[in-house]
Amino acid sequence: MIQAGNVRQNIMTNEIKDTSVFSTDVSFDDVYPREIRRLSKSHWTSVEVAKKAASFLAEIPGSCVLDIGSGVGKFCLNAGHYYRDSHFFGVEQRSSLVEIAKETQQLLGIQNVTFINANFTQLDFSEFDHFYFFNSFYENLTGEQDWIDDYIDHSESLYNYYTGYLYKMLETRPPGTRLVTYQSLFEEIPSGYQVVENDLAILYNCWIKTE
């Protein structure tokens, strides 16, 4: 199991004094423990995508944005750094990853981020305005060698359940709701959402609910 408690002390605490940490994936990932850096390319949002997605989701100041399956918090922490007028929430069911995310948040001194240790199906989605989804369910369809760890269950039935649950949740959100999907197969997107920006090369899409 991935352990918290060894986030690297290579930047100053309590406030962000070295903004170069947010400039590249290499510089940001260097804050994390080795086993977390090893997983970055497959499981954590890149700095470039995080900044791009946050600019769309936080266009209206004061927005509350939820990252579904936030891992070690890379999207939320980068988004929170660049968009201080909005609040970013990350929900993650692995407690060890939430601990690392919180430790990294403290190290970076970012205030407008909250990490929640829970299964996303336990949340009240009316508390959030917009959503970010880097296909955290897909792990259920891959082999064990591509898992983050084996401390949660993995199965095709869980993939189908989570996808269906997210679909129904998004369907109930009001018009104007914004959604960014990354590496998604679109199975969780109700018909009321329209694509307003995309990058097919990386399966990146921005959506707005219109009806």
Protein backbone atom coordinates (compact mmCIF):
# COMPACT_ATOMS: atom_id res chain seq x y z
CA MET A 1 0.00 0.00 0.00
CA ILE A 2 1.24 3.49 -0.82
CA GLN A 3 2.18 5.30 2.36
CA ALA A 4 1.91 9.00 3.17
CA GLY A 5 4.37 10.93 5.26
CA ASN A 6 7.31 11.27 2.87
CA VAL A 7 6.35 14.16 0.62
CA ARG A 8 9.64 15.83 -0.25
CA GLN A 9 10.52 19.00 1.66
CA ASN A 10 12.01 20.80 -1.33
CA ILE A 11 9.89 23.95 -1.29
CA MET A 12 8.93 26.35 1.48
CA THR A 13 5.78 25.71 3.53
CA ASN A 14 2.74 27.88 4.32
CA GLU A 15 2.89 29.95 1.15
CA ILE A 16 3.90 29.35 -2.43
CA LYS A 17 7.30 30.96 -2.86
CA ASP A 18 8.66 28.87 -5.69
CA THR A 19 6.10 29.03 -8.50
CA SER A 20 8.43 27.03 -10.77
CA VAL A 21 7.05 23.96 -8.98
CA PHE A 22 3.91 24.43 -11.12
CA SER A 23 5.73 24.92 -14.43
CA THR A 24 6.24 21.32 -15.56
CA ASP A 25 5.26 17.78 -14.63
CA VAL A 26 8.83 16.98 -13.67
CA SER A 27 9.07 19.90 -11.24
CA PHE A 28 5.64 19.26 -9.72
CA ASP A 29 5.99 15.49 -9.47
CA ASP A 30 9.33 15.94 -7.71
CA VAL A 31 7.38 17.02 -4.63
CA TYR A 32 5.84 13.54 -4.37
CA PRO A 33 7.36 10.28 -3.10
CA ARG A 34 9.05 8.04 -5.66
CA GLU A 35 6.17 5.57 -5.97
CA ILE A 36 3.78 8.45 -6.69
CA ARG A 37 6.07 9.90 -9.36
CA ARG A 38 6.20 6.48 -11.00
CA LEU A 39 2.40 6.50 -11.40
CA SER A 40 2.14 10.05 -12.69
CA LYS A 41 2.06 9.49 -16.44
CA SER A 42 -0.76 6.93 -16.26
CA HIS A 43 -2.84 8.06 -13.29
CA TRP A 44 -2.35 11.77 -12.48
CA THR A 45 -3.44 14.76 -14.58
CA SER A 46 -0.59 16.61 -16.27
CA VAL A 47 0.16 20.18 -15.24
CA GLU A 48 -0.75 21.43 -18.72
CA VAL A 49 -4.14 19.68 -18.75
CA ALA A 50 -4.91 20.74 -15.18
CA LYS A 51 -4.32 24.40 -15.97
CA LYS A 52 -6.33 24.18 -19.19
CA ALA A 53 -9.27 22.39 -17.55
CA ALA A 54 -9.32 24.73 -14.58
CA SER A 55 -9.50 27.78 -16.84
CA PHE A 56 -12.76 26.41 -18.25
CA LEU A 57 -14.27 25.12 -15.00
CA ALA A 58 -13.38 28.20 -12.95
CA GLU A 59 -14.33 30.80 -15.53
CA ILE A 60 -16.92 32.17 -13.10
CA PRO A 61 -15.24 33.30 -9.84
CA GLY A 62 -16.57 31.57 -6.75
CA SER A 63 -17.24 28.26 -8.51
CA CYS A 64 -17.02 25.00 -6.58
CA VAL A 65 -15.36 22.35 -8.75
CA LEU A 66 -15.25 18.62 -7.93
CA ASP A 67 -12.53 16.28 -9.19
CA ILE A 68 -14.02 12.76 -9.22
CA GLY A 69 -11.23 10.37 -8.26
CA SER A 70 -8.63 12.94 -7.25
CA GLY A 71 -5.76 10.58 -6.42
CA VAL A 72 -2.88 12.51 -4.87
CA GLY A 73 -4.48 15.85 -5.73
CA LYS A 74 -2.42 16.94 -8.72
CA PHE A 75 -5.36 18.47 -10.63
CA CYS A 76 -6.83 20.27 -7.61
CA LEU A 77 -3.51 21.65 -6.40
CA ASN A 78 -2.53 23.04 -9.79
CA ALA A 79 -6.04 24.39 -10.38
CA GLY A 80 -6.10 25.97 -6.94
CA HIS A 81 -2.77 27.64 -7.53
CA TYR A 82 -3.84 29.29 -10.78
CA TYR A 83 -7.47 30.08 -9.91
CA ARG A 84 -7.57 31.44 -6.37
CA ASP A 85 -11.13 32.80 -6.68
CA SER A 86 -12.69 29.33 -6.97
CA HIS A 87 -12.63 26.31 -4.67
CA PHE A 88 -11.55 22.87 -5.83
CA PHE A 89 -12.68 19.67 -4.13
CA GLY A 90 -11.18 16.25 -4.71
CA VAL A 91 -12.93 13.03 -3.73
CA GLU A 92 -10.80 9.89 -3.46
CA GLN A 93 -11.61 6.54 -1.88
CA ARG A 94 -8.01 5.53 -1.09
CA SER A 95 -7.14 7.05 2.28
CA SER A 96 -3.39 6.78 1.65
CA LEU A 97 -3.67 8.96 -1.47
CA VAL A 98 -5.80 11.51 0.37
CA GLU A 99 -3.15 11.74 3.09
CA ILE A 100 -0.47 12.42 0.48
CA ALA A 101 -2.70 15.02 -1.22
CA LYS A 102 -3.28 16.82 2.09
CA GLU A 103 0.40 16.69 2.99
CA THR A 104 1.30 18.14 -0.40
CA GLN A 105 -1.36 20.84 -0.03
CA GLN A 106 0.13 21.87 3.31
CA LEU A 107 3.60 21.95 1.82
CA LEU A 108 2.42 24.14 -1.06
CA GLY A 109 0.32 26.38 1.16
CA ILE A 110 -2.77 26.25 -1.05
CA GLN A 111 -5.94 27.28 0.77
CA ASN A 112 -8.72 26.93 -1.80
CA VAL A 113 -8.63 23.13 -2.05
CA THR A 114 -10.42 20.46 0.02
CA PHE A 115 -9.76 16.72 -0.19
CA ILE A 116 -12.50 14.26 0.78
CA ASN A 117 -11.82 10.61 1.64
CA ALA A 118 -14.94 8.87 0.32
CA ASN A 119 -16.45 6.98 -2.57
CA PHE A 120 -17.89 9.59 -4.94
CA THR A 121 -21.32 7.92 -4.70
CA GLN A 122 -21.52 9.11 -1.08
CA LEU A 123 -21.47 12.82 -1.95
CA ASP A 124 -24.24 15.39 -2.28
CA PHE A 125 -23.51 16.72 -5.75
CA SER A 126 -25.72 19.75 -5.29
CA GLU A 127 -22.82 21.23 -3.30
CA PHE A 128 -20.70 21.52 -6.47
CA ASP A 129 -21.10 23.67 -9.58
CA HIS A 130 -18.81 21.97 -12.08
CA PHE A 131 -16.90 18.69 -12.48
CA TYR A 132 -13.58 17.28 -13.64
CA PHE A 133 -13.25 13.60 -14.59
CA PHE A 134 -9.98 11.92 -15.59
CA ASN A 135 -11.55 8.50 -16.11
CA SER A 136 -10.81 7.12 -12.66
CA PHE A 137 -13.16 4.18 -13.35
CA TYR A 138 -11.05 2.76 -16.18
CA GLU A 139 -8.75 1.07 -13.70
CA ASN A 140 -11.54 -1.50 -13.27
CA LEU A 141 -11.05 -2.64 -16.87
CA THR A 142 -7.26 -2.99 -16.85
CA GLY A 143 -4.95 -5.73 -15.67
CA GLU A 144 -3.42 -5.76 -12.22
CA GLN A 145 -0.15 -4.36 -13.58
CA ASP A 146 -1.95 -1.08 -14.36
CA TRP A 147 -3.66 -0.65 -10.98
CA ILE A 148 -2.56 2.00 -8.51
CA ASP A 149 -2.69 -0.71 -5.85
CA ASP A 150 -4.82 -3.71 -4.91
CA TYR A 151 -6.37 -2.27 -1.74
CA ILE A 152 -9.71 -1.62 -3.39
CA ASP A 153 -11.88 -3.94 -5.46
CA HIS A 154 -11.57 -3.92 -9.26
CA SER A 155 -14.13 -5.37 -11.64
CA GLU A 156 -16.03 -4.70 -14.84
CA SER A 157 -19.25 -4.61 -12.84
CA LEU A 158 -17.85 -1.77 -10.71
CA TYR A 159 -16.89 0.12 -13.88
CA ASN A 160 -20.46 -0.23 -15.16
CA TYR A 161 -21.96 0.75 -11.79
CA TYR A 162 -19.78 3.86 -11.38
CA THR A 163 -20.30 4.94 -14.98
CA GLY A 164 -24.07 4.58 -14.65
CA TYR A 165 -24.08 6.45 -11.35
CA LEU A 166 -22.08 9.35 -12.77
CA TYR A 167 -24.36 9.49 -15.82
CA LYS A 168 -27.46 9.78 -13.61
CA MET A 169 -25.82 12.37 -11.39
CA LEU A 170 -24.78 14.55 -14.34
CA GLU A 171 -28.26 14.22 -15.80
CA THR A 172 -29.74 15.89 -12.69
CA ARG A 173 -27.42 18.89 -12.73
CA PRO A 174 -28.84 22.24 -13.88
CA PRO A 175 -28.23 23.86 -17.27
CA GLY A 176 -24.93 25.72 -17.28
CA THR A 177 -23.09 22.93 -15.47
CA ARG A 178 -19.58 22.56 -16.85
CA LEU A 179 -17.70 19.29 -17.20
CA VAL A 180 -14.21 18.40 -18.37
CA THR A 181 -13.49 14.80 -19.31
CA TYR A 182 -10.01 13.48 -19.96
CA GLN A 183 -9.28 10.04 -21.41
CA SER A 184 -13.02 9.29 -21.26
CA LEU A 185 -15.06 6.96 -23.45
CA PHE A 186 -18.10 9.30 -23.09
CA GLU A 187 -20.28 6.55 -21.59
CA GLU A 188 -20.96 8.77 -18.58
CA ILE A 189 -22.13 11.81 -20.58
CA PRO A 190 -25.90 12.45 -20.83
CA SER A 191 -27.30 13.81 -24.10
CA GLY A 192 -27.98 17.24 -22.57
CA TYR A 193 -24.26 18.07 -22.54
CA GLN A 194 -22.68 19.73 -25.57
CA VAL A 195 -18.98 19.77 -26.44
CA VAL A 196 -17.62 23.31 -26.63
CA GLU A 197 -13.91 22.51 -26.83
CA ASN A 198 -11.91 19.36 -27.48
CA ASP A 199 -8.51 17.91 -28.25
CA LEU A 200 -9.00 14.53 -29.88
CA ALA A 201 -5.30 13.70 -29.68
CA ILE A 202 -5.51 13.35 -25.88
CA LEU A 203 -9.26 12.67 -25.53
CA TYR A 204 -9.81 15.99 -23.77
CA ASN A 205 -13.31 17.51 -23.88
CA CYS A 206 -15.08 20.49 -22.35
CA TRP A 207 -18.85 20.23 -21.98
CA ILE A 208 -21.70 22.51 -20.95
CA LYS A 209 -25.15 21.25 -20.03
CA THR A 210 -27.64 23.04 -22.25
CA GLU A 211 -30.90 21.34 -21.31
